[in-house]
C-alpha atoms as a PDB file:
ATOM      1  CA  UNK A   1     163.138 108.068 288.066  1.00  0.00           C
ATOM      2  CA  UNK A   2     165.383 110.846 289.843  1.00  0.00           C
ATOM      3  CA  UNK A   3     168.868 110.993 290.053  1.00  0.00           C
ATOM      4  CA  UNK A   4     170.798 112.487 293.023  1.00  0.00           C
ATOM      5  CA  UNK A   5     173.933 114.115 292.777  1.00  0.00           C
ATOM      6  CA  UNK A   6     176.678 112.168 294.150  1.00  0.00           C
ATOM      7  CA  UNK A   7     179.548 114.864 294.347  1.00  0.00           C
ATOM      8  CA  UNK A   8     179.003 118.488 294.308  1.00  0.00           C
ATOM      9  CA  UNK A   9     181.789 120.846 292.993  1.00  0.00           C
ATOM     10  CA  UNK A  10     183.173 123.209 295.468  1.00  0.00           C
ATOM     11  CA  UNK A  11     182.637 127.003 294.667  1.00  0.00           C
ATOM     12  CA  UNK A  12     186.253 127.682 295.384  1.00  0.00           C
ATOM     13  CA  UNK A  13     187.438 125.718 292.408  1.00  0.00           C
ATOM     14  CA  UNK A  14     185.151 128.103 290.062  1.00  0.00           C
ATOM     15  CA  UNK A  15     186.087 131.197 288.163  1.00  0.00           C
ATOM     16  CA  UNK A  16     189.776 131.435 289.076  1.00  0.00           C
ATOM     17  CA  UNK A  17     191.217 132.331 285.604  1.00  0.00           C
ATOM     18  CA  UNK A  18     189.959 129.134 283.810  1.00  0.00           C
ATOM     19  CA  UNK A  19     187.381 130.850 281.951  1.00  0.00           C
ATOM     20  CA  UNK A  20     189.563 132.684 279.355  1.00  0.00           C
ATOM     21  CA  UNK A  21     189.150 135.988 281.132  1.00  0.00           C
ATOM     22  CA  UNK A  22     185.472 136.078 281.550  1.00  0.00           C
ATOM     23  CA  UNK A  23     185.438 135.463 285.093  1.00  0.00           C
ATOM     24  CA  UNK A  24     182.085 133.513 284.827  1.00  0.00           C
ATOM     25  CA  UNK A  25     180.176 136.300 283.257  1.00  0.00           C
ATOM     26  CA  UNK A  26     179.430 134.406 279.873  1.00  0.00           C
ATOM     27  CA  UNK A  27     180.489 136.299 276.741  1.00  0.00           C
ATOM     28  CA  UNK A  28     183.522 138.692 277.049  1.00  0.00           C
ATOM     29  CA  UNK A  29     181.616 141.640 275.609  1.00  0.00           C
ATOM     30  CA  UNK A  30     179.187 141.544 278.492  1.00  0.00           C
ATOM     31  CA  UNK A  31     181.746 142.639 281.135  1.00  0.00           C
ATOM     32  CA  UNK A  32     183.588 145.396 279.213  1.00  0.00           C
ATOM     33  CA  UNK A  33     181.583 148.312 279.958  1.00  0.00           C
ATOM     34  CA  UNK A  34     178.352 148.980 281.274  1.00  0.00           C
ATOM     35  CA  UNK A  35     176.371 148.302 277.967  1.00  0.00           C
ATOM     36  CA  UNK A  36     175.056 145.090 279.022  1.00  0.00           C
ATOM     37  CA  UNK A  37     173.403 146.599 282.196  1.00  0.00           C
ATOM     38  CA  UNK A  38     171.918 149.586 280.526  1.00  0.00           C
ATOM     39  CA  UNK A  39     174.551 152.376 281.388  1.00  0.00           C
ATOM     40  CA  UNK A  40     176.015 153.826 284.302  1.00  0.00           C
ATOM     41  CA  UNK A  41     173.829 155.129 287.169  1.00  0.00           C
ATOM     42  CA  UNK A  42     170.210 155.828 286.134  1.00  0.00           C
ATOM     43  CA  UNK A  43     170.900 155.583 282.407  1.00  0.00           C
ATOM     44  CA  UNK A  44     168.681 152.915 280.808  1.00  0.00           C
ATOM     45  CA  UNK A  45     165.828 153.437 283.205  1.00  0.00           C
ATOM     46  CA  UNK A  46     163.379 155.032 280.694  1.00  0.00           C
ATOM     47  CA  UNK A  47     159.771 154.195 280.206  1.00  0.00           C
ATOM     48  CA  UNK A  48     160.375 150.937 278.053  1.00  0.00           C
ATOM     49  CA  UNK A  49     163.510 149.830 279.764  1.00  0.00           C
ATOM     50  CA  UNK A  50     163.574 146.752 281.895  1.00  0.00           C
ATOM     51  CA  UNK A  51     167.251 146.814 283.248  1.00  0.00           C
ATOM     52  CA  UNK A  52     166.542 148.853 286.396  1.00  0.00           C
ATOM     53  CA  UNK A  53     162.758 149.147 286.344  1.00  0.00           C
ATOM     54  CA  UNK A  54     162.350 146.954 289.533  1.00  0.00           C
ATOM     55  CA  UNK A  55     165.102 149.140 291.377  1.00  0.00           C
ATOM     56  CA  UNK A  56     163.446 152.365 290.186  1.00  0.00           C
ATOM     57  CA  UNK A  57     159.979 151.133 291.202  1.00  0.00           C
ATOM     58  CA  UNK A  58     161.405 150.066 294.754  1.00  0.00           C
ATOM     59  CA  UNK A  59     163.303 153.594 295.252  1.00  0.00           C
ATOM     60  CA  UNK A  60     160.801 155.949 293.782  1.00  0.00           C
ATOM     61  CA  UNK A  61     157.627 154.294 293.789  1.00  0.00           C
ATOM     62  CA  UNK A  62     155.042 153.877 290.573  1.00  0.00           C
ATOM     63  CA  UNK A  63     154.984 157.557 289.952  1.00  0.00           C
ATOM     64  CA  UNK A  64     158.302 157.752 288.367  1.00  0.00           C
ATOM     65  CA  UNK A  65     157.519 156.779 285.076  1.00  0.00           C
ATOM     66  CA  UNK A  66     154.940 158.590 282.678  1.00  0.00           C
ATOM     67  CA  UNK A  67     153.679 161.974 282.309  1.00  0.00           C
ATOM     68  CA  UNK A  68     152.282 163.828 285.386  1.00  0.00           C
ATOM     69  CA  UNK A  69     149.053 165.657 284.532  1.00  0.00           C
ATOM     70  CA  UNK A  70     147.486 166.805 281.217  1.00  0.00           C
ATOM     71  CA  UNK A  71     148.434 170.374 280.055  1.00  0.00           C
ATOM     72  CA  UNK A  72     148.590 171.655 276.560  1.00  0.00           C
ATOM     73  CA  UNK A  73     151.823 173.586 275.381  1.00  0.00           C
ATOM     74  CA  UNK A  74     150.095 176.936 275.806  1.00  0.00           C
ATOM     75  CA  UNK A  75     149.108 176.419 279.371  1.00  0.00           C
ATOM     76  CA  UNK A  76     151.318 178.518 281.686  1.00  0.00           C
ATOM     77  CA  UNK A  77     152.059 177.543 285.228  1.00  0.00           C
ATOM     78  CA  UNK A  78     150.663 180.274 287.773  1.00  0.00           C
ATOM     79  CA  UNK A  79     154.091 181.416 289.285  1.00  0.00           C
ATOM     80  CA  UNK A  80     152.594 184.348 291.302  1.00  0.00           C
ATOM     81  CA  UNK A  81     153.443 184.342 295.036  1.00  0.00           C
ATOM     82  CA  UNK A  82     150.222 183.576 296.997  1.00  0.00           C
ATOM     83  CA  UNK A  83     149.298 183.551 300.792  1.00  0.00           C
ATOM     84  CA  UNK A  84     146.381 182.731 302.605  1.00  0.00           C
ATOM     85  CA  UNK A  85     144.892 184.935 305.347  1.00  0.00           C
ATOM     86  CA  UNK A  86     145.177 181.885 307.672  1.00  0.00           C
ATOM     87  CA  UNK A  87     148.922 182.105 307.307  1.00  0.00           C
ATOM     88  CA  UNK A  88     148.901 185.839 307.538  1.00  0.00           C
ATOM     89  CA  UNK A  89     147.083 185.489 311.071  1.00  0.00           C
ATOM     90  CA  UNK A  90     149.818 182.847 312.092  1.00  0.00           C
ATOM     91  CA  UNK A  91     153.011 184.441 310.994  1.00  0.00           C
ATOM     92  CA  UNK A  92     152.386 188.285 311.312  1.00  0.00           C
ATOM     93  CA  UNK A  93     151.476 190.564 314.391  1.00  0.00           C
ATOM     94  CA  UNK A  94     148.296 192.706 313.906  1.00  0.00           C
ATOM     95  CA  UNK A  95     148.954 196.071 312.142  1.00  0.00           C
ATOM     96  CA  UNK A  96     150.272 197.236 308.900  1.00  0.00           C
ATOM     97  CA  UNK A  97     152.017 194.510 306.564  1.00  0.00           C
ATOM     98  CA  UNK A  98     153.596 194.975 303.275  1.00  0.00           C
ATOM     99  CA  UNK A  99     152.921 191.898 300.882  1.00  0.00           C
ATOM    100  CA  UNK A 100     153.315 193.933 297.671  1.00  0.00           C
ATOM    101  CA  UNK A 101     154.486 191.001 295.634  1.00  0.00           C
ATOM    102  CA  UNK A 102     151.754 188.683 296.805  1.00  0.00           C
ATOM    103  CA  UNK A 103     148.128 187.696 296.074  1.00  0.00           C
ATOM    104  CA  UNK A 104     146.090 187.328 299.210  1.00  0.00           C
ATOM    105  CA  UNK A 105     143.863 184.263 299.246  1.00  0.00           C
ATOM    106  CA  UNK A 106     140.786 183.895 301.497  1.00  0.00           C
ATOM    107  CA  UNK A 107     141.416 180.446 302.984  1.00  0.00           C
ATOM    108  CA  UNK A 108     141.453 180.055 306.755  1.00  0.00           C
ATOM    109  CA  UNK A 109     140.347 182.555 309.366  1.00  0.00           C
ATOM    110  CA  UNK A 110     141.450 185.914 310.561  1.00  0.00           C
ATOM    111  CA  UNK A 111     140.409 187.362 313.824  1.00  0.00           C
ATOM    112  CA  UNK A 112     142.812 190.174 314.273  1.00  0.00           C
ATOM    113  CA  UNK A 113     142.857 193.608 312.467  1.00  0.00           C
ATOM    114  CA  UNK A 114     145.366 193.835 309.723  1.00  0.00           C
ATOM    115  CA  UNK A 115     146.071 196.561 307.086  1.00  0.00           C
ATOM    116  CA  UNK A 116     147.504 194.654 304.331  1.00  0.00           C
ATOM    117  CA  UNK A 117     149.290 196.206 300.937  1.00  0.00           C
ATOM    118  CA  UNK A 118     149.075 193.547 298.413  1.00  0.00           C
ATOM    119  CA  UNK A 119     149.415 192.970 294.555  1.00  0.00           C
ATOM    120  CA  UNK A 120     146.190 191.177 294.156  1.00  0.00           C
ATOM    121  CA  UNK A 121     143.387 189.725 296.555  1.00  0.00           C
ATOM    122  CA  UNK A 122     140.490 187.396 296.159  1.00  0.00           C
ATOM    123  CA  UNK A 123     136.957 188.604 296.968  1.00  0.00           C
ATOM    124  CA  UNK A 124     136.655 186.142 299.917  1.00  0.00           C
ATOM    125  CA  UNK A 125     140.209 187.411 301.314  1.00  0.00           C
ATOM    126  CA  UNK A 126     138.837 191.086 301.228  1.00  0.00           C
ATOM    127  CA  UNK A 127     135.510 190.139 302.784  1.00  0.00           C
ATOM    128  CA  UNK A 128     137.270 188.279 305.691  1.00  0.00           C
ATOM    129  CA  UNK A 129     139.831 190.970 306.383  1.00  0.00           C
ATOM    130  CA  UNK A 130     137.008 193.677 306.473  1.00  0.00           C
ATOM    131  CA  UNK A 131     134.898 191.515 308.586  1.00  0.00           C
ATOM    132  CA  UNK A 132     137.790 191.670 311.051  1.00  0.00           C
ATOM    133  CA  UNK A 133     138.135 195.466 311.058  1.00  0.00           C
ATOM    134  CA  UNK A 134     141.003 195.712 308.607  1.00  0.00           C
ATOM    135  CA  UNK A 135     141.646 196.461 304.986  1.00  0.00           C
ATOM    136  CA  UNK A 136     143.399 195.241 301.900  1.00  0.00           C
ATOM    137  CA  UNK A 137     145.004 197.979 299.789  1.00  0.00           C
ATOM    138  CA  UNK A 138     145.757 196.823 296.281  1.00  0.00           C
ATOM    139  CA  UNK A 139     148.579 198.209 294.211  1.00  0.00           C
ATOM    140  CA  UNK A 140     147.508 199.014 290.644  1.00  0.00           C
ATOM    141  CA  UNK A 141     143.790 198.552 291.707  1.00  0.00           C
ATOM    142  CA  UNK A 142     143.711 194.993 290.504  1.00  0.00           C
ATOM    143  CA  UNK A 143     140.060 194.022 291.566  1.00  0.00           C
ATOM    144  CA  UNK A 144     138.144 191.046 290.749  1.00  0.00           C
ATOM    145  CA  UNK A 145     135.549 191.296 287.690  1.00  0.00           C
ATOM    146  CA  UNK A 146     132.659 190.534 290.273  1.00  0.00           C
ATOM    147  CA  UNK A 147     133.517 193.529 292.384  1.00  0.00           C
ATOM    148  CA  UNK A 148     133.475 195.685 289.353  1.00  0.00           C
ATOM    149  CA  UNK A 149     130.234 194.537 288.308  1.00  0.00           C
ATOM    150  CA  UNK A 150     128.615 195.254 291.505  1.00  0.00           C
ATOM    151  CA  UNK A 151     129.889 198.932 291.486  1.00  0.00           C
ATOM    152  CA  UNK A 152     128.274 199.701 288.121  1.00  0.00           C
END
């Protein structure tokens, strides 16, 4: 047996000073500050907090929580400036280039003759530049161990 509601109360009659200052929020302590909703802004959006988890996942995706990658405390990030020879081919005109703070990497192709001054260079970069008729001048003679082994 089901009962139908005979008269529905209008919404305009609700929450107009009748609820002892709570305005329909329930307990008064809920609406005082922002403690009930977990803080202002992104506060309370931590790994285990559920207050704003759905909002965060919609906005930032599932990569927002948790650690990104495995590194030990002793692992240092490689902060050296690096550039591929393919980028050098695109950005610079053939001739002498001073890239004294860069390490030259061998990704990409090089067709023009370049004379590059650099801090470091990979073996593949040196080979490709020399094949195109150019050369890489290393500051401080930082050669790879493979080349040093060949010379001995």
